[in-house]
Amino acid sequence: MDQLSRDIRQADRVKAFTTNGNVLTLTLDDGGTDLAYSYDAIQRTLTRTRGTDSRVVLQNCDVLRFDLR
């Protein structure tokens, strides 16, 4: 979760956000690189994807929802 917090603080903007709250895509201020966090309720994982690099950053997570207000 530290990585997620750091990425959000360093983001230039939110590029996309799903209404079901399972995917958050940020545009980083390092030249426009996109970074996505996606939650899989069946696998109970949160995955961070940047370019072709994809890795699970949280496991055994029962509930996760991105909410923008």
C-alpha atoms as a PDB file:
ATOM      1  CA  MET A   1       0.000   0.000   0.000  1.00  0.00           C
ATOM      2  CA  ASP A   2       3.007   2.290   0.459  1.00  0.00           C
ATOM      3  CA  GLN A   3       3.780   1.960  -3.251  1.00  0.00           C
ATOM      4  CA  LEU A   4       0.167   2.812  -4.164  1.00  0.00           C
ATOM      5  CA  SER A   5       0.210   5.898  -1.930  1.00  0.00           C
ATOM      6  CA  ARG A   6       3.535   7.007  -3.389  1.00  0.00           C
ATOM      7  CA  ASP A   7       2.312   6.532  -6.966  1.00  0.00           C
ATOM      8  CA  ILE A   8      -0.858   8.523  -6.319  1.00  0.00           C
ATOM      9  CA  ARG A   9       1.114  11.403  -4.815  1.00  0.00           C
ATOM     10  CA  GLN A  10       3.535  11.433  -7.766  1.00  0.00           C
ATOM     11  CA  ALA A  11       0.840  11.194 -10.437  1.00  0.00           C
ATOM     12  CA  ASP A  12       0.186  14.100 -12.732  1.00  0.00           C
ATOM     13  CA  ARG A  13      -3.462  13.103 -13.166  1.00  0.00           C
ATOM     14  CA  VAL A  14      -5.974  10.283 -13.006  1.00  0.00           C
ATOM     15  CA  LYS A  15      -6.344   9.044 -16.564  1.00  0.00           C
ATOM     16  CA  ALA A  16      -9.107   6.487 -16.038  1.00  0.00           C
ATOM     17  CA  PHE A  17     -11.294   5.172 -13.291  1.00  0.00           C
ATOM     18  CA  THR A  18     -13.823   2.353 -13.532  1.00  0.00           C
ATOM     19  CA  THR A  19     -17.249   2.838 -12.033  1.00  0.00           C
ATOM     20  CA  ASN A  20     -17.049  -0.519 -10.262  1.00  0.00           C
ATOM     21  CA  GLY A  21     -13.960   0.756  -8.456  1.00  0.00           C
ATOM     22  CA  ASN A  22     -11.659  -2.076  -9.531  1.00  0.00           C
ATOM     23  CA  VAL A  23      -9.225  -0.234 -11.817  1.00  0.00           C
ATOM     24  CA  LEU A  24      -7.362   3.036 -11.340  1.00  0.00           C
ATOM     25  CA  THR A  25      -5.093   4.359 -14.109  1.00  0.00           C
ATOM     26  CA  LEU A  26      -2.714   7.209 -13.362  1.00  0.00           C
ATOM     27  CA  THR A  27      -0.495   9.266 -15.647  1.00  0.00           C
ATOM     28  CA  LEU A  28       2.836   9.865 -13.988  1.00  0.00           C
ATOM     29  CA  ASP A  29       4.642  13.161 -14.287  1.00  0.00           C
ATOM     30  CA  ASP A  30       7.767  11.470 -15.670  1.00  0.00           C
ATOM     31  CA  GLY A  31       6.831  12.136 -19.272  1.00  0.00           C
ATOM     32  CA  GLY A  32       3.359  10.692 -19.398  1.00  0.00           C
ATOM     33  CA  THR A  33       3.902   7.064 -18.452  1.00  0.00           C
ATOM     34  CA  ASP A  34       0.642   5.288 -17.590  1.00  0.00           C
ATOM     35  CA  LEU A  35       0.394   3.201 -14.465  1.00  0.00           C
ATOM     36  CA  ALA A  36      -2.599   1.023 -13.596  1.00  0.00           C
ATOM     37  CA  TYR A  37      -3.722  -0.641 -10.400  1.00  0.00           C
ATOM     38  CA  SER A  38      -6.334  -3.370 -10.814  1.00  0.00           C
ATOM     39  CA  TYR A  39      -8.093  -5.389  -8.153  1.00  0.00           C
ATOM     40  CA  ASP A  40      -9.168  -8.970  -8.829  1.00  0.00           C
ATOM     41  CA  ALA A  41     -11.815 -10.029  -6.312  1.00  0.00           C
ATOM     42  CA  ILE A  42     -11.646 -13.695  -7.339  1.00  0.00           C
ATOM     43  CA  GLN A  43      -7.863 -13.952  -6.976  1.00  0.00           C
ATOM     44  CA  ARG A  44      -7.965 -11.455  -4.075  1.00  0.00           C
ATOM     45  CA  THR A  45      -4.993  -9.540  -5.467  1.00  0.00           C
ATOM     46  CA  LEU A  46      -4.022  -5.995  -6.361  1.00  0.00           C
ATOM     47  CA  THR A  47      -1.792  -5.762  -9.418  1.00  0.00           C
ATOM     48  CA  ARG A  48       0.388  -2.823 -10.454  1.00  0.00           C
ATOM     49  CA  THR A  49       1.037  -2.538 -14.197  1.00  0.00           C
ATOM     50  CA  ARG A  50       3.421  -0.073 -15.820  1.00  0.00           C
ATOM     51  CA  GLY A  51       4.172  -0.695 -19.474  1.00  0.00           C
ATOM     52  CA  THR A  52       4.930  -4.396 -19.803  1.00  0.00           C
ATOM     53  CA  ASP A  53       5.921  -4.758 -16.140  1.00  0.00           C
ATOM     54  CA  SER A  54       3.090  -6.262 -14.102  1.00  0.00           C
ATOM     55  CA  ARG A  55       3.358  -7.472 -10.510  1.00  0.00           C
ATOM     56  CA  VAL A  56       1.080  -8.367  -7.641  1.00  0.00           C
ATOM     57  CA  VAL A  57       1.540  -5.839  -4.850  1.00  0.00           C
ATOM     58  CA  LEU A  58      -1.124  -7.123  -2.451  1.00  0.00           C
ATOM     59  CA  GLN A  59      -2.446 -10.629  -1.821  1.00  0.00           C
ATOM     60  CA  ASN A  60      -5.286 -12.076   0.262  1.00  0.00           C
ATOM     61  CA  CYS A  61      -7.256  -8.858   0.042  1.00  0.00           C
ATOM     62  CA  ASP A  62     -10.971  -9.451   0.557  1.00  0.00           C
ATOM     63  CA  VAL A  63     -12.200  -5.962  -0.371  1.00  0.00           C
ATOM     64  CA  LEU A  64     -10.640  -3.063  -2.236  1.00  0.00           C
ATOM     65  CA  ARG A  65     -12.368  -0.169  -3.912  1.00  0.00           C
ATOM     66  CA  PHE A  66     -11.027   2.997  -5.492  1.00  0.00           C
ATOM     67  CA  ASP A  67     -13.289   5.955  -4.853  1.00  0.00           C
ATOM     68  CA  LEU A  68     -12.777   9.478  -6.182  1.00  0.00           C
ATOM     69  CA  ARG A  69     -14.712  12.384  -4.769  1.00  0.00           C
END
